[in-house]
């Protein structure tokens, strides 16, 4: 389920992307941003972020599940037209009843 959630970003379809979230899900894009609550609030933020995106891809490098907790390491690629960005991320997800209840992303430190 989580792998399909990551794949859904390539569609740039907010409904598809947020369909994996519980109605009362929480999401924190990175450790320096405030936590968002509720699928509709998260969808609005994602819609704003993806408004100018030409493409998006989550490249999952590693993923490990421990009961209801899933941790993945990935590189998030975004082509925003004039700029292309890649973010090295570790995502921590709490999954219950087949839905993402909590999602927290952390940026990986730059290698020296």
C-alpha atoms as a PDB file:
ATOM      1  CA  UNK A   1       0.000   0.000   0.000  1.00  0.00           C
ATOM      2  CA  UNK A   2       2.720   2.499   0.931  1.00  0.00           C
ATOM      3  CA  UNK A   3       4.658   1.780  -2.255  1.00  0.00           C
ATOM      4  CA  UNK A   4       1.512   2.584  -4.291  1.00  0.00           C
ATOM      5  CA  UNK A   5       1.154   5.797  -2.304  1.00  0.00           C
ATOM      6  CA  UNK A   6       4.668   6.851  -3.297  1.00  0.00           C
ATOM      7  CA  UNK A   7       3.997   5.861  -6.925  1.00  0.00           C
ATOM      8  CA  UNK A   8       0.822   7.970  -6.984  1.00  0.00           C
ATOM      9  CA  UNK A   9       2.850  11.211  -6.945  1.00  0.00           C
ATOM     10  CA  UNK A  10       3.809  10.627 -10.598  1.00  0.00           C
ATOM     11  CA  UNK A  11       0.147  11.176 -11.528  1.00  0.00           C
ATOM     12  CA  UNK A  12       0.146  14.727 -10.028  1.00  0.00           C
ATOM     13  CA  UNK A  13      -3.491  13.891  -9.163  1.00  0.00           C
ATOM     14  CA  UNK A  14      -4.243  15.206  -5.672  1.00  0.00           C
ATOM     15  CA  UNK A  15      -7.261  12.931  -5.231  1.00  0.00           C
ATOM     16  CA  UNK A  16      -5.172   9.882  -6.061  1.00  0.00           C
ATOM     17  CA  UNK A  17      -2.258  10.998  -3.877  1.00  0.00           C
ATOM     18  CA  UNK A  18      -4.441  11.709  -0.835  1.00  0.00           C
ATOM     19  CA  UNK A  19      -6.625   8.607  -1.284  1.00  0.00           C
ATOM     20  CA  UNK A  20      -4.115   6.684   0.840  1.00  0.00           C
ATOM     21  CA  UNK A  21      -4.590   9.037   3.801  1.00  0.00           C
ATOM     22  CA  UNK A  22      -7.071   8.535   6.620  1.00  0.00           C
ATOM     23  CA  UNK A  23      -9.662  11.293   6.949  1.00  0.00           C
ATOM     24  CA  UNK A  24      -7.978  12.578  10.126  1.00  0.00           C
ATOM     25  CA  UNK A  25      -4.401  11.925   8.962  1.00  0.00           C
ATOM     26  CA  UNK A  26      -1.532  14.136  10.045  1.00  0.00           C
ATOM     27  CA  UNK A  27       1.368  15.127   7.790  1.00  0.00           C
ATOM     28  CA  UNK A  28       4.562  17.023   8.391  1.00  0.00           C
ATOM     29  CA  UNK A  29       6.387  17.730   5.134  1.00  0.00           C
ATOM     30  CA  UNK A  30       9.803  18.114   6.788  1.00  0.00           C
ATOM     31  CA  UNK A  31      11.038  18.585  10.309  1.00  0.00           C
ATOM     32  CA  UNK A  32      11.010  22.396  10.055  1.00  0.00           C
ATOM     33  CA  UNK A  33       7.385  22.763   8.960  1.00  0.00           C
ATOM     34  CA  UNK A  34       4.252  22.625  11.100  1.00  0.00           C
ATOM     35  CA  UNK A  35       2.164  19.490  11.175  1.00  0.00           C
ATOM     36  CA  UNK A  36      -0.995  19.528   9.046  1.00  0.00           C
ATOM     37  CA  UNK A  37      -4.144  17.763  10.201  1.00  0.00           C
ATOM     38  CA  UNK A  38      -6.930  16.291   8.091  1.00  0.00           C
ATOM     39  CA  UNK A  39      -6.963  14.910   4.550  1.00  0.00           C
ATOM     40  CA  UNK A  40      -8.587  18.036   3.080  1.00  0.00           C
ATOM     41  CA  UNK A  41      -6.007  20.373   4.672  1.00  0.00           C
ATOM     42  CA  UNK A  42      -3.165  18.165   3.454  1.00  0.00           C
ATOM     43  CA  UNK A  43      -4.720  18.013  -0.034  1.00  0.00           C
ATOM     44  CA  UNK A  44      -4.875  21.821  -0.250  1.00  0.00           C
ATOM     45  CA  UNK A  45      -1.200  22.129   0.718  1.00  0.00           C
ATOM     46  CA  UNK A  46      -0.168  19.453  -1.778  1.00  0.00           C
ATOM     47  CA  UNK A  47      -2.256  21.060  -4.492  1.00  0.00           C
ATOM     48  CA  UNK A  48      -0.515  24.382  -3.912  1.00  0.00           C
ATOM     49  CA  UNK A  49       2.913  22.761  -3.945  1.00  0.00           C
ATOM     50  CA  UNK A  50       2.215  20.778  -7.129  1.00  0.00           C
ATOM     51  CA  UNK A  51       0.408  23.594  -8.971  1.00  0.00           C
ATOM     52  CA  UNK A  52       3.407  24.321 -11.210  1.00  0.00           C
ATOM     53  CA  UNK A  53       4.920  20.829 -11.231  1.00  0.00           C
ATOM     54  CA  UNK A  54       5.635  19.231 -14.584  1.00  0.00           C
ATOM     55  CA  UNK A  55       6.480  15.892 -12.957  1.00  0.00           C
ATOM     56  CA  UNK A  56       7.017  14.257  -9.583  1.00  0.00           C
ATOM     57  CA  UNK A  57       8.591  10.956  -8.667  1.00  0.00           C
ATOM     58  CA  UNK A  58       9.361   9.260  -5.368  1.00  0.00           C
ATOM     59  CA  UNK A  59      12.361   6.985  -5.823  1.00  0.00           C
ATOM     60  CA  UNK A  60      12.184   4.550  -2.892  1.00  0.00           C
ATOM     61  CA  UNK A  61      15.687   3.373  -1.982  1.00  0.00           C
ATOM     62  CA  UNK A  62      14.829   1.260   1.062  1.00  0.00           C
ATOM     63  CA  UNK A  63      11.674   0.442   2.979  1.00  0.00           C
ATOM     64  CA  UNK A  64      11.113  -1.441   6.207  1.00  0.00           C
ATOM     65  CA  UNK A  65       7.894  -2.263   8.045  1.00  0.00           C
ATOM     66  CA  UNK A  66       7.689  -2.986  11.762  1.00  0.00           C
ATOM     67  CA  UNK A  67       4.080  -3.721  12.582  1.00  0.00           C
ATOM     68  CA  UNK A  68       2.087  -0.562  11.848  1.00  0.00           C
ATOM     69  CA  UNK A  69       5.207   1.567  11.347  1.00  0.00           C
ATOM     70  CA  UNK A  70       6.810   1.890   7.912  1.00  0.00           C
ATOM     71  CA  UNK A  71      10.084   3.691   7.332  1.00  0.00           C
ATOM     72  CA  UNK A  72      11.368   4.473   3.885  1.00  0.00           C
ATOM     73  CA  UNK A  73      14.403   6.204   2.506  1.00  0.00           C
ATOM     74  CA  UNK A  74      13.761   7.871  -0.807  1.00  0.00           C
ATOM     75  CA  UNK A  75      14.679  10.644  -3.170  1.00  0.00           C
ATOM     76  CA  UNK A  76      11.767  12.886  -4.102  1.00  0.00           C
ATOM     77  CA  UNK A  77      12.193  14.378  -7.576  1.00  0.00           C
ATOM     78  CA  UNK A  78      10.176  17.416  -8.654  1.00  0.00           C
ATOM     79  CA  UNK A  79      10.360  19.131 -12.042  1.00  0.00           C
ATOM     80  CA  UNK A  80       8.871  22.555 -11.463  1.00  0.00           C
ATOM     81  CA  UNK A  81       9.463  23.765 -15.013  1.00  0.00           C
ATOM     82  CA  UNK A  82      12.290  26.234 -14.532  1.00  0.00           C
ATOM     83  CA  UNK A  83      13.845  24.234 -11.699  1.00  0.00           C
ATOM     84  CA  UNK A  84      14.352  20.573 -10.956  1.00  0.00           C
ATOM     85  CA  UNK A  85      14.753  19.541  -7.333  1.00  0.00           C
ATOM     86  CA  UNK A  86      15.703  16.296  -5.633  1.00  0.00           C
ATOM     87  CA  UNK A  87      15.286  15.825  -1.898  1.00  0.00           C
ATOM     88  CA  UNK A  88      16.865  12.947   0.045  1.00  0.00           C
ATOM     89  CA  UNK A  89      14.159  12.007   2.551  1.00  0.00           C
ATOM     90  CA  UNK A  90      13.399   9.524   5.303  1.00  0.00           C
ATOM     91  CA  UNK A  91       9.660   9.062   5.753  1.00  0.00           C
ATOM     92  CA  UNK A  92       8.028   7.558   8.823  1.00  0.00           C
ATOM     93  CA  UNK A  93       4.441   6.388   8.454  1.00  0.00           C
ATOM     94  CA  UNK A  94       1.900   4.982  10.895  1.00  0.00           C
ATOM     95  CA  UNK A  95      -0.523   2.789   8.943  1.00  0.00           C
ATOM     96  CA  UNK A  96      -3.778   1.451  10.374  1.00  0.00           C
ATOM     97  CA  UNK A  97      -6.672  -0.265   8.598  1.00  0.00           C
ATOM     98  CA  UNK A  98      -4.893   0.173   5.261  1.00  0.00           C
ATOM     99  CA  UNK A  99      -4.643   3.975   5.560  1.00  0.00           C
ATOM    100  CA  UNK A 100      -1.838   6.352   6.453  1.00  0.00           C
ATOM    101  CA  UNK A 101      -2.745   7.846   9.828  1.00  0.00           C
ATOM    102  CA  UNK A 102       0.485   9.785  10.394  1.00  0.00           C
ATOM    103  CA  UNK A 103       3.225  10.796   7.948  1.00  0.00           C
ATOM    104  CA  UNK A 104       6.428  12.583   8.937  1.00  0.00           C
ATOM    105  CA  UNK A 105       9.325  13.292   6.558  1.00  0.00           C
ATOM    106  CA  UNK A 106      12.877  14.175   7.551  1.00  0.00           C
ATOM    107  CA  UNK A 107      15.596  15.498   5.256  1.00  0.00           C
ATOM    108  CA  UNK A 108      18.811  13.527   5.151  1.00  0.00           C
ATOM    109  CA  UNK A 109      21.924  15.550   5.968  1.00  0.00           C
ATOM    110  CA  UNK A 110      24.256  16.467   3.117  1.00  0.00           C
ATOM    111  CA  UNK A 111      27.360  14.308   2.882  1.00  0.00           C
ATOM    112  CA  UNK A 112      30.634  16.122   3.393  1.00  0.00           C
END
